[in-house]
Amino acid sequence: MSEKTLRICDKGHRYYKSSDCPTCPTCEEEKKPTTGFLSEVSAPARRALIAEGIDTLEVLSRYSEKQILRLHGIGKASLPVLRKALAEEGHGFQDANKRGLNGNN
């Protein structure tokens, strides 16, 4: 593992990182929603979803689980959280919708 180096973001937050990742943990925490499904997933997963334009459950339901897993930052641990959020609103992933697994078909 490489040595951690001190970094300072554009807002002046000081943090240490050992990777090339430029993300400031303090800024990430400030951006984290307090409600909704995006507040339930990890920061990398949230960034991946937002970068893809997925900011509502309705938009998320247009994707298959396979498509979501292809996004950089999304791992298998995110799927149960996303499935639960979709189900609570009567939605499901696109592939689940086709199989009639979301209760609407």
PDB file of N, CA and C in Angstrom:
ATOM      1  N   MET A   1       0.851  -1.174   0.000  1.00  0.00           N
ATOM      2  CA  MET A   1       0.000   0.000   0.000  1.00  0.00           C
ATOM      3  C   MET A   1       0.896   1.235   0.000  1.00  0.00           C
ATOM      4  N   SER A   2       0.513   2.226  -0.768  1.00  0.00           N
ATOM      5  CA  SER A   2       1.329   3.438  -0.849  1.00  0.00           C
ATOM      6  C   SER A   2       1.074   4.345   0.357  1.00  0.00           C
ATOM      7  N   GLU A   3       1.978   5.243   0.564  1.00  0.00           N
ATOM      8  CA  GLU A   3       1.920   6.158   1.700  1.00  0.00           C
ATOM      9  C   GLU A   3       0.834   7.211   1.491  1.00  0.00           C
ATOM     10  N   LYS A   4       0.165   7.574   2.571  1.00  0.00           N
ATOM     11  CA  LYS A   4      -0.877   8.605   2.499  1.00  0.00           C
ATOM     12  C   LYS A   4      -0.223   9.975   2.397  1.00  0.00           C
ATOM     13  N   THR A   5      -0.805  10.803   1.538  1.00  0.00           N
ATOM     14  CA  THR A   5      -0.282  12.156   1.372  1.00  0.00           C
ATOM     15  C   THR A   5      -1.370  13.164   1.744  1.00  0.00           C
ATOM     16  N   LEU A   6      -0.942  14.283   2.262  1.00  0.00           N
ATOM     17  CA  LEU A   6      -1.855  15.352   2.628  1.00  0.00           C
ATOM     18  C   LEU A   6      -2.370  16.024   1.368  1.00  0.00           C
ATOM     19  N   ARG A   7      -3.662  16.224   1.322  1.00  0.00           N
ATOM     20  CA  ARG A   7      -4.285  16.928   0.204  1.00  0.00           C
ATOM     21  C   ARG A   7      -5.146  18.051   0.769  1.00  0.00           C
ATOM     22  N   ILE A   8      -5.368  19.052  -0.043  1.00  0.00           N
ATOM     23  CA  ILE A   8      -6.255  20.148   0.321  1.00  0.00           C
ATOM     24  C   ILE A   8      -7.180  20.395  -0.869  1.00  0.00           C
ATOM     25  N   CYS A   9      -8.477  20.306  -0.621  1.00  0.00           N
ATOM     26  CA  CYS A   9      -9.435  20.492  -1.722  1.00  0.00           C
ATOM     27  C   CYS A   9      -9.626  21.984  -2.002  1.00  0.00           C
ATOM     28  N   ASP A  10     -10.420  22.283  -3.027  1.00  0.00           N
ATOM     29  CA  ASP A  10     -10.687  23.671  -3.418  1.00  0.00           C
ATOM     30  C   ASP A  10     -11.371  24.475  -2.310  1.00  0.00           C
ATOM     31  N   LYS A  11     -12.068  23.784  -1.420  1.00  0.00           N
ATOM     32  CA  LYS A  11     -12.747  24.470  -0.318  1.00  0.00           C
ATOM     33  C   LYS A  11     -11.842  24.624   0.907  1.00  0.00           C
ATOM     34  N   GLY A  12     -10.625  24.090   0.831  1.00  0.00           N
ATOM     35  CA  GLY A  12      -9.685  24.221   1.930  1.00  0.00           C
ATOM     36  C   GLY A  12      -9.694  23.087   2.936  1.00  0.00           C
ATOM     37  N   HIS A  13     -10.482  22.042   2.678  1.00  0.00           N
ATOM     38  CA  HIS A  13     -10.494  20.886   3.580  1.00  0.00           C
ATOM     39  C   HIS A  13      -9.180  20.129   3.439  1.00  0.00           C
ATOM     40  N   ARG A  14      -8.620  19.736   4.565  1.00  0.00           N
ATOM     41  CA  ARG A  14      -7.373  18.978   4.577  1.00  0.00           C
ATOM     42  C   ARG A  14      -7.699  17.515   4.839  1.00  0.00           C
ATOM     43  N   TYR A  15      -7.110  16.598   4.052  1.00  0.00           N
ATOM     44  CA  TYR A  15      -7.339  15.171   4.221  1.00  0.00           C
ATOM     45  C   TYR A  15      -6.147  14.399   3.670  1.00  0.00           C
ATOM     46  N   TYR A  16      -6.043  13.152   4.088  1.00  0.00           N
ATOM     47  CA  TYR A  16      -4.964  12.286   3.637  1.00  0.00           C
ATOM     48  C   TYR A  16      -5.538  11.170   2.780  1.00  0.00           C
ATOM     49  N   LYS A  17      -4.828  10.861   1.691  1.00  0.00           N
ATOM     50  CA  LYS A  17      -5.232   9.764   0.800  1.00  0.00           C
ATOM     51  C   LYS A  17      -3.997   9.032   0.324  1.00  0.00           C
ATOM     52  N   SER A  18      -4.146   7.729   0.132  1.00  0.00           N
ATOM     53  CA  SER A  18      -3.052   6.930  -0.411  1.00  0.00           C
ATOM     54  C   SER A  18      -3.291   6.601  -1.880  1.00  0.00           C
ATOM     55  N   SER A  19      -4.491   6.862  -2.375  1.00  0.00           N
ATOM     56  CA  SER A  19      -4.800   6.564  -3.779  1.00  0.00           C
ATOM     57  C   SER A  19      -4.768   7.845  -4.614  1.00  0.00           C
ATOM     58  N   ASP A  20      -4.995   7.685  -5.906  1.00  0.00           N
ATOM     59  CA  ASP A  20      -5.051   8.831  -6.812  1.00  0.00           C
ATOM     60  C   ASP A  20      -6.419   9.511  -6.803  1.00  0.00           C
ATOM     61  N   CYS A  21      -7.359   8.957  -6.058  1.00  0.00           N
ATOM     62  CA  CYS A  21      -8.714   9.493  -6.011  1.00  0.00           C
ATOM     63  C   CYS A  21      -8.691  10.940  -5.514  1.00  0.00           C
ATOM     64  N   PRO A  22      -9.234  11.877  -6.292  1.00  0.00           N
ATOM     65  CA  PRO A  22      -9.196  13.289  -5.901  1.00  0.00           C
ATOM     66  C   PRO A  22     -10.358  13.723  -5.009  1.00  0.00           C
ATOM     67  N   THR A  23     -11.244  12.804  -4.651  1.00  0.00           N
ATOM     68  CA  THR A  23     -12.450  13.156  -3.909  1.00  0.00           C
ATOM     69  C   THR A  23     -12.149  13.491  -2.461  1.00  0.00           C
ATOM     70  N   CYS A  24     -12.597  14.648  -2.041  1.00  0.00           N
ATOM     71  CA  CYS A  24     -12.438  15.100  -0.658  1.00  0.00           C
ATOM     72  C   CYS A  24     -13.540  14.458   0.182  1.00  0.00           C
ATOM     73  N   PRO A  25     -13.190  13.721   1.234  1.00  0.00           N
ATOM     74  CA  PRO A  25     -14.214  13.073   2.058  1.00  0.00           C
ATOM     75  C   PRO A  25     -15.148  14.059   2.754  1.00  0.00           C
ATOM     76  N   THR A  26     -14.650  15.214   3.135  1.00  0.00           N
ATOM     77  CA  THR A  26     -15.494  16.217   3.794  1.00  0.00           C
ATOM     78  C   THR A  26     -16.518  16.779   2.814  1.00  0.00           C
ATOM     79  N   CYS A  27     -16.081  17.092   1.612  1.00  0.00           N
ATOM     80  CA  CYS A  27     -17.006  17.594   0.588  1.00  0.00           C
ATOM     81  C   CYS A  27     -18.059  16.536   0.252  1.00  0.00           C
ATOM     82  N   GLU A  28     -17.645  15.274   0.163  1.00  0.00           N
ATOM     83  CA  GLU A  28     -18.575  14.182  -0.119  1.00  0.00           C
ATOM     84  C   GLU A  28     -19.639  14.093   0.956  1.00  0.00           C
ATOM     85  N   GLU A  29     -19.237  14.192   2.200  1.00  0.00           N
ATOM     86  CA  GLU A  29     -20.187  14.111   3.307  1.00  0.00           C
ATOM     87  C   GLU A  29     -21.163  15.282   3.265  1.00  0.00           C
ATOM     88  N   GLU A  30     -20.678  16.464   2.886  1.00  0.00           N
ATOM     89  CA  GLU A  30     -21.541  17.638   2.783  1.00  0.00           C
ATOM     90  C   GLU A  30     -22.578  17.488   1.672  1.00  0.00           C
ATOM     91  N   LYS A  31     -22.230  16.742   0.611  1.00  0.00           N
ATOM     92  CA  LYS A  31     -23.135  16.547  -0.528  1.00  0.00           C
ATOM     93  C   LYS A  31     -24.141  15.425  -0.308  1.00  0.00           C
ATOM     94  N   LYS A  32     -23.903  14.583   0.701  1.00  0.00           N
ATOM     95  CA  LYS A  32     -24.750  13.413   0.917  1.00  0.00           C
ATOM     96  C   LYS A  32     -26.172  13.831   1.255  1.00  0.00           C
ATOM     97  N   PRO A  33     -27.157  13.304   0.503  1.00  0.00           N
ATOM     98  CA  PRO A  33     -28.551  13.607   0.818  1.00  0.00           C
ATOM     99  C   PRO A  33     -28.923  13.026   2.181  1.00  0.00           C
ATOM    100  N   THR A  34     -29.881  13.643   2.834  1.00  0.00           N
ATOM    101  CA  THR A  34     -30.310  13.144   4.144  1.00  0.00           C
ATOM    102  C   THR A  34     -31.513  12.215   4.036  1.00  0.00           C
ATOM    103  N   THR A  35     -32.185  12.232   2.896  1.00  0.00           N
ATOM    104  CA  THR A  35     -33.336  11.354   2.685  1.00  0.00           C
ATOM    105  C   THR A  35     -33.275  10.761   1.285  1.00  0.00           C
ATOM    106  N   GLY A  36     -34.114   9.785   1.036  1.00  0.00           N
ATOM    107  CA  GLY A  36     -34.201   9.172  -0.286  1.00  0.00           C
ATOM    108  C   GLY A  36     -33.189   8.059  -0.473  1.00  0.00           C
ATOM    109  N   PHE A  37     -33.357   7.341  -1.572  1.00  0.00           N
ATOM    110  CA  PHE A  37     -32.522   6.168  -1.817  1.00  0.00           C
ATOM    111  C   PHE A  37     -31.054   6.519  -2.008  1.00  0.00           C
ATOM    112  N   LEU A  38     -30.748   7.699  -2.488  1.00  0.00           N
ATOM    113  CA  LEU A  38     -29.347   8.077  -2.669  1.00  0.00           C
ATOM    114  C   LEU A  38     -28.635   8.269  -1.336  1.00  0.00           C
ATOM    115  N   SER A  39     -29.383   8.503  -0.283  1.00  0.00           N
ATOM    116  CA  SER A  39     -28.772   8.642   1.040  1.00  0.00           C
ATOM    117  C   SER A  39     -28.406   7.287   1.639  1.00  0.00           C
ATOM    118  N   GLU A  40     -28.927   6.214   1.063  1.00  0.00           N
ATOM    119  CA  GLU A  40     -28.727   4.871   1.596  1.00  0.00           C
ATOM    120  C   GLU A  40     -27.548   4.124   0.974  1.00  0.00           C
ATOM    121  N   VAL A  41     -27.015   4.628  -0.128  1.00  0.00           N
ATOM    122  CA  VAL A  41     -25.916   3.934  -0.802  1.00  0.00           C
ATOM    123  C   VAL A  41     -24.587   4.614  -0.497  1.00  0.00           C
ATOM    124  N   SER A  42     -23.509   3.912  -0.776  1.00  0.00           N
ATOM    125  CA  SER A  42     -22.169   4.453  -0.531  1.00  0.00           C
ATOM    126  C   SER A  42     -21.901   5.654  -1.436  1.00  0.00           C
ATOM    127  N   ALA A  43     -20.920   6.438  -1.063  1.00  0.00           N
ATOM    128  CA  ALA A  43     -20.564   7.620  -1.867  1.00  0.00           C
ATOM    129  C   ALA A  43     -20.171   7.244  -3.294  1.00  0.00           C
ATOM    130  N   PRO A  44     -19.340   6.206  -3.517  1.00  0.00           N
ATOM    131  CA  PRO A  44     -19.020   5.845  -4.905  1.00  0.00           C
ATOM    132  C   PRO A  44     -20.262   5.441  -5.704  1.00  0.00           C
ATOM    133  N   ALA A  45     -21.170   4.703  -5.071  1.00  0.00           N
ATOM    134  CA  ALA A  45     -22.400   4.297  -5.757  1.00  0.00           C
ATOM    135  C   ALA A  45     -23.258   5.516  -6.070  1.00  0.00           C
ATOM    136  N   ARG A  46     -23.373   6.422  -5.106  1.00  0.00           N
ATOM    137  CA  ARG A  46     -24.161   7.645  -5.317  1.00  0.00           C
ATOM    138  C   ARG A  46     -23.599   8.465  -6.467  1.00  0.00           C
ATOM    139  N   ARG A  47     -22.267   8.629  -6.489  1.00  0.00           N
ATOM    140  CA  ARG A  47     -21.648   9.390  -7.589  1.00  0.00           C
ATOM    141  C   ARG A  47     -21.910   8.708  -8.932  1.00  0.00           C
ATOM    142  N   ALA A  48     -21.828   7.381  -8.973  1.00  0.00           N
ATOM    143  CA  ALA A  48     -22.053   6.649 -10.220  1.00  0.00           C
ATOM    144  C   ALA A  48     -23.481   6.839 -10.714  1.00  0.00           C
ATOM    145  N   LEU A  49     -24.433   6.732  -9.811  1.00  0.00           N
ATOM    146  CA  LEU A  49     -25.838   6.901 -10.197  1.00  0.00           C
ATOM    147  C   LEU A  49     -26.112   8.315 -10.680  1.00  0.00           C
ATOM    148  N   ILE A  50     -25.626   9.292  -9.958  1.00  0.00           N
ATOM    149  CA  ILE A  50     -25.854  10.692 -10.340  1.00  0.00           C
ATOM    150  C   ILE A  50     -25.177  11.007 -11.675  1.00  0.00           C
ATOM    151  N   ALA A  51     -23.968  10.493 -11.870  1.00  0.00           N
ATOM    152  CA  ALA A  51     -23.263  10.727 -13.144  1.00  0.00           C
ATOM    153  C   ALA A  51     -24.037  10.140 -14.318  1.00  0.00           C
ATOM    154  N   GLU A  52     -24.791   9.075 -14.066  1.00  0.00           N
ATOM    155  CA  GLU A  52     -25.597   8.429 -15.104  1.00  0.00           C
ATOM    156  C   GLU A  52     -26.954   9.115 -15.263  1.00  0.00           C
ATOM    157  N   GLY A  53     -27.249  10.097 -14.404  1.00  0.00           N
ATOM    158  CA  GLY A  53     -28.534  10.799 -14.470  1.00  0.00           C
ATOM    159  C   GLY A  53     -29.638  10.086 -13.712  1.00  0.00           C
ATOM    160  N   ILE A  54     -29.261   9.158 -12.837  1.00  0.00           N
ATOM    161  CA  ILE A  54     -30.240   8.394 -12.063  1.00  0.00           C
ATOM    162  C   ILE A  54     -30.393   9.070 -10.701  1.00  0.00           C
ATOM    163  N   ASP A  55     -31.422   9.901 -10.595  1.00  0.00           N
ATOM    164  CA  ASP A  55     -31.628  10.622  -9.345  1.00  0.00           C
ATOM    165  C   ASP A  55     -33.014  10.408  -8.757  1.00  0.00           C
ATOM    166  N   THR A  56     -33.811   9.568  -9.418  1.00  0.00           N
ATOM    167  CA  THR A  56     -35.121   9.202  -8.884  1.00  0.00           C
ATOM    168  C   THR A  56     -35.304   7.699  -9.050  1.00  0.00           C
ATOM    169  N   LEU A  57     -36.211   7.141  -8.261  1.00  0.00           N
ATOM    170  CA  LEU A  57     -36.507   5.713  -8.381  1.00  0.00           C
ATOM    171  C   LEU A  57     -37.170   5.393  -9.717  1.00  0.00           C
ATOM    172  N   GLU A  58     -37.937   6.316 -10.234  1.00  0.00           N
ATOM    173  CA  GLU A  58     -38.573   6.102 -11.538  1.00  0.00           C
ATOM    174  C   GLU A  58     -37.504   5.916 -12.627  1.00  0.00           C
ATOM    175  N   VAL A  59     -36.486   6.762 -12.596  1.00  0.00           N
ATOM    176  CA  VAL A  59     -35.395   6.630 -13.569  1.00  0.00           C
ATOM    177  C   VAL A  59     -34.624   5.332 -13.320  1.00  0.00           C
ATOM    178  N   LEU A  60     -34.356   5.020 -12.062  1.00  0.00           N
ATOM    179  CA  LEU A  60     -33.642   3.790 -11.728  1.00  0.00           C
ATOM    180  C   LEU A  60     -34.383   2.562 -12.247  1.00  0.00           C
ATOM    181  N   SER A  61     -35.702   2.566 -12.201  1.00  0.00           N
ATOM    182  CA  SER A  61     -36.499   1.413 -12.628  1.00  0.00           C
ATOM    183  C   SER A  61     -36.408   1.156 -14.128  1.00  0.00           C
ATOM    184  N   ARG A  62     -35.856   2.076 -14.876  1.00  0.00           N
ATOM    185  CA  ARG A  62     -35.677   1.896 -16.326  1.00  0.00           C
ATOM    186  C   ARG A  62     -34.423   1.083 -16.655  1.00  0.00           C
ATOM    187  N   TYR A  63     -33.638   0.787 -15.647  1.00  0.00           N
ATOM    188  CA  TYR A  63     -32.382   0.056 -15.820  1.00  0.00           C
ATOM    189  C   TYR A  63     -32.518  -1.364 -15.299  1.00  0.00           C
ATOM    190  N   SER A  64     -31.737  -2.266 -15.882  1.00  0.00           N
ATOM    191  CA  SER A  64     -31.659  -3.627 -15.351  1.00  0.00           C
ATOM    192  C   SER A  64     -30.568  -3.659 -14.283  1.00  0.00           C
ATOM    193  N   GLU A  65     -30.595  -4.685 -13.462  1.00  0.00           N
ATOM    194  CA  GLU A  65     -29.551  -4.833 -12.448  1.00  0.00           C
ATOM    195  C   GLU A  65     -28.186  -4.943 -13.112  1.00  0.00           C
ATOM    196  N   LYS A  66     -28.137  -5.638 -14.226  1.00  0.00           N
ATOM    197  CA  LYS A  66     -26.869  -5.821 -14.959  1.00  0.00           C
ATOM    198  C   LYS A  66     -26.316  -4.471 -15.416  1.00  0.00           C
ATOM    199  N   GLN A  67     -27.181  -3.599 -15.908  1.00  0.00           N
ATOM    200  CA  GLN A  67     -26.748  -2.268 -16.345  1.00  0.00           C
ATOM    201  C   GLN A  67     -26.223  -1.459 -15.165  1.00  0.00           C
ATOM    202  N   ILE A  68     -26.891  -1.545 -14.038  1.00  0.00           N
ATOM    203  CA  ILE A  68     -26.462  -0.797 -12.850  1.00  0.00           C
ATOM    204  C   ILE A  68     -25.115  -1.311 -12.368  1.00  0.00           C
ATOM    205  N   LEU A  69     -24.931  -2.624 -12.371  1.00  0.00           N
ATOM    206  CA  LEU A  69     -23.663  -3.198 -11.909  1.00  0.00           C
ATOM    207  C   LEU A  69     -22.486  -2.823 -12.808  1.00  0.00           C
ATOM    208  N   ARG A  70     -22.763  -2.457 -14.044  1.00  0.00           N
ATOM    209  CA  ARG A  70     -21.684  -2.040 -14.955  1.00  0.00           C
ATOM    210  C   ARG A  70     -21.140  -0.654 -14.636  1.00  0.00           C
ATOM    211  N   LEU A  71     -21.871   0.124 -13.853  1.00  0.00           N
ATOM    212  CA  LEU A  71     -21.434   1.483 -13.527  1.00  0.00           C
ATOM    213  C   LEU A  71     -20.267   1.421 -12.555  1.00  0.00           C
ATOM    214  N   HIS A  72     -19.239   2.181 -12.847  1.00  0.00           N
ATOM    215  CA  HIS A  72     -18.073   2.237 -11.966  1.00  0.00           C
ATOM    216  C   HIS A  72     -18.485   2.872 -10.637  1.00  0.00           C
ATOM    217  N   GLY A  73     -18.288   2.133  -9.561  1.00  0.00           N
ATOM    218  CA  GLY A  73     -18.670   2.619  -8.243  1.00  0.00           C
ATOM    219  C   GLY A  73     -19.820   1.833  -7.643  1.00  0.00           C
ATOM    220  N   ILE A  74     -20.490   1.043  -8.468  1.00  0.00           N
ATOM    221  CA  ILE A  74     -21.599   0.223  -7.986  1.00  0.00           C
ATOM    222  C   ILE A  74     -21.098  -1.198  -7.780  1.00  0.00           C
ATOM    223  N   GLY A  75     -21.359  -1.724  -6.608  1.00  0.00           N
ATOM    224  CA  GLY A  75     -21.008  -3.110  -6.315  1.00  0.00           C
ATOM    225  C   GLY A  75     -22.245  -3.898  -5.950  1.00  0.00           C
ATOM    226  N   LYS A  76     -22.062  -5.189  -5.763  1.00  0.00           N
ATOM    227  CA  LYS A  76     -23.191  -6.060  -5.426  1.00  0.00           C
ATOM    228  C   LYS A  76     -23.852  -5.666  -4.112  1.00  0.00           C
ATOM    229  N   ALA A  77     -23.121  -5.040  -3.205  1.00  0.00           N
ATOM    230  CA  ALA A  77     -23.694  -4.624  -1.926  1.00  0.00           C
ATOM    231  C   ALA A  77     -24.746  -3.524  -2.111  1.00  0.00           C
ATOM    232  N   SER A  78     -24.679  -2.791  -3.199  1.00  0.00           N
ATOM    233  CA  SER A  78     -25.652  -1.722  -3.449  1.00  0.00           C
ATOM    234  C   SER A  78     -26.997  -2.260  -3.919  1.00  0.00           C
ATOM    235  N   LEU A  79     -26.998  -3.427  -4.547  1.00  0.00           N
ATOM    236  CA  LEU A  79     -28.240  -3.940  -5.134  1.00  0.00           C
ATOM    237  C   LEU A  79     -29.361  -4.171  -4.121  1.00  0.00           C
ATOM    238  N   PRO A  80     -29.115  -4.806  -2.968  1.00  0.00           N
ATOM    239  CA  PRO A  80     -30.225  -4.976  -2.025  1.00  0.00           C
ATOM    240  C   PRO A  80     -30.826  -3.653  -1.556  1.00  0.00           C
ATOM    241  N   VAL A  81     -29.993  -2.655  -1.376  1.00  0.00           N
ATOM    242  CA  VAL A  81     -30.471  -1.330  -0.956  1.00  0.00           C
ATOM    243  C   VAL A  81     -31.354  -0.737  -2.050  1.00  0.00           C
ATOM    244  N   LEU A  82     -30.898  -0.840  -3.291  1.00  0.00           N
ATOM    245  CA  LEU A  82     -31.659  -0.286  -4.410  1.00  0.00           C
ATOM    246  C   LEU A  82     -32.949  -1.070  -4.647  1.00  0.00           C
ATOM    247  N   ARG A  83     -32.878  -2.407  -4.564  1.00  0.00           N
ATOM    248  CA  ARG A  83     -34.081  -3.231  -4.723  1.00  0.00           C
ATOM    249  C   ARG A  83     -35.141  -2.857  -3.685  1.00  0.00           C
ATOM    250  N   LYS A  84     -34.714  -2.711  -2.436  1.00  0.00           N
ATOM    251  CA  LYS A  84     -35.641  -2.371  -1.351  1.00  0.00           C
ATOM    252  C   LYS A  84     -36.286  -1.014  -1.595  1.00  0.00           C
ATOM    253  N   ALA A  85     -35.480  -0.034  -1.974  1.00  0.00           N
ATOM    254  CA  ALA A  85     -36.014   1.310  -2.237  1.00  0.00           C
ATOM    255  C   ALA A  85     -37.025   1.272  -3.377  1.00  0.00           C
ATOM    256  N   LEU A  86     -36.710   0.537  -4.432  1.00  0.00           N
ATOM    257  CA  LEU A  86     -37.641   0.404  -5.562  1.00  0.00           C
ATOM    258  C   LEU A  86     -38.938  -0.265  -5.113  1.00  0.00           C
ATOM    259  N   ALA A  87     -38.814  -1.365  -4.383  1.00  0.00           N
ATOM    260  CA  ALA A  87     -39.994  -2.123  -3.948  1.00  0.00           C
ATOM    261  C   ALA A  87     -40.902  -1.286  -3.052  1.00  0.00           C
ATOM    262  N   GLU A  88     -40.310  -0.478  -2.193  1.00  0.00           N
ATOM    263  CA  GLU A  88     -41.108   0.366  -1.290  1.00  0.00           C
ATOM    264  C   GLU A  88     -41.977   1.365  -2.044  1.00  0.00           C
ATOM    265  N   GLU A  89     -41.576   1.685  -3.258  1.00  0.00           N
ATOM    266  CA  GLU A  89     -42.349   2.628  -4.078  1.00  0.00           C
ATOM    267  C   GLU A  89     -43.107   1.923  -5.209  1.00  0.00           C
ATOM    268  N   GLY A  90     -43.165   0.592  -5.145  1.00  0.00           N
ATOM    269  CA  GLY A  90     -43.913  -0.166  -6.153  1.00  0.00           C
ATOM    270  C   GLY A  90     -43.192  -0.306  -7.481  1.00  0.00           C
ATOM    271  N   HIS A  91     -41.881  -0.151  -7.464  1.00  0.00           N
ATOM    272  CA  HIS A  91     -41.080  -0.279  -8.679  1.00  0.00           C
ATOM    273  C   HIS A  91     -40.172  -1.497  -8.573  1.00  0.00           C
ATOM    274  N   GLY A  92     -39.462  -1.757  -9.639  1.00  0.00           N
ATOM    275  CA  GLY A  92     -38.447  -2.795  -9.662  1.00  0.00           C
ATOM    276  C   GLY A  92     -37.471  -2.480 -10.768  1.00  0.00           C
ATOM    277  N   PHE A  93     -36.377  -3.211 -10.817  1.00  0.00           N
ATOM    278  CA  PHE A  93     -35.449  -3.040 -11.928  1.00  0.00           C
ATOM    279  C   PHE A  93     -36.123  -3.489 -13.211  1.00  0.00           C
ATOM    280  N   GLN A  94     -35.629  -3.020 -14.336  1.00  0.00           N
ATOM    281  CA  GLN A  94     -36.230  -3.332 -15.628  1.00  0.00           C
ATOM    282  C   GLN A  94     -36.355  -4.838 -15.831  1.00  0.00           C
ATOM    283  N   ASP A  95     -35.319  -5.605 -15.501  1.00  0.00           N
ATOM    284  CA  ASP A  95     -35.393  -7.043 -15.698  1.00  0.00           C
ATOM    285  C   ASP A  95     -36.405  -7.681 -14.750  1.00  0.00           C
ATOM    286  N   ALA A  96     -36.553  -7.165 -13.540  1.00  0.00           N
ATOM    287  CA  ALA A  96     -37.554  -7.677 -12.602  1.00  0.00           C
ATOM    288  C   ALA A  96     -38.955  -7.327 -13.095  1.00  0.00           C
ATOM    289  N   ASN A  97     -39.101  -6.145 -13.680  1.00  0.00           N
ATOM    290  CA  ASN A  97     -40.396  -5.723 -14.201  1.00  0.00           C
ATOM    291  C   ASN A  97     -40.864  -6.680 -15.294  1.00  0.00           C
ATOM    292  N   LYS A  98     -39.950  -7.076 -16.160  1.00  0.00           N
ATOM    293  CA  LYS A  98     -40.295  -7.984 -17.258  1.00  0.00           C
ATOM    294  C   LYS A  98     -40.708  -9.354 -16.754  1.00  0.00           C
ATOM    295  N   ARG A  99     -40.107  -9.776 -15.624  1.00  0.00           N
ATOM    296  CA  ARG A  99     -40.435 -11.090 -15.051  1.00  0.00           C
ATOM    297  C   ARG A  99     -41.640 -11.004 -14.123  1.00  0.00           C
ATOM    298  N   GLY A 100     -42.144  -9.785 -13.882  1.00  0.00           N
ATOM    299  CA  GLY A 100     -43.294  -9.614 -13.014  1.00  0.00           C
ATOM    300  C   GLY A 100     -42.953  -9.754 -11.547  1.00  0.00           C
ATOM    301  N   LEU A 101     -41.740  -9.387 -11.170  1.00  0.00           N
ATOM    302  CA  LEU A 101     -41.296  -9.574  -9.803  1.00  0.00           C
ATOM    303  C   LEU A 101     -41.492  -8.362  -8.908  1.00  0.00           C
ATOM    304  N   ASN A 102     -42.023  -7.295  -9.416  1.00  0.00           N
ATOM    305  CA  ASN A 102     -42.164  -6.111  -8.563  1.00  0.00           C
ATOM    306  C   ASN A 102     -43.582  -5.949  -8.022  1.00  0.00           C
ATOM    307  N   GLY A 103     -44.428  -6.892  -8.296  1.00  0.00           N
ATOM    308  CA  GLY A 103     -45.782  -6.842  -7.746  1.00  0.00           C
ATOM    309  C   GLY A 103     -46.764  -6.045  -8.571  1.00  0.00           C
ATOM    310  N   ASN A 104     -46.302  -5.425  -9.652  1.00  0.00           N
ATOM    311  CA  ASN A 104     -47.209  -4.614 -10.471  1.00  0.00           C
ATOM    312  C   ASN A 104     -47.755  -5.372 -11.657  1.00  0.00           C
ATOM    313  N   ASN A 105     -47.216  -6.522 -11.973  1.00  0.00           N
ATOM    314  CA  ASN A 105     -47.648  -7.244 -13.169  1.00  0.00           C
ATOM    315  C   ASN A 105     -48.498  -8.440 -12.816  1.00  0.00           C
TER     316      ASN A 105
END
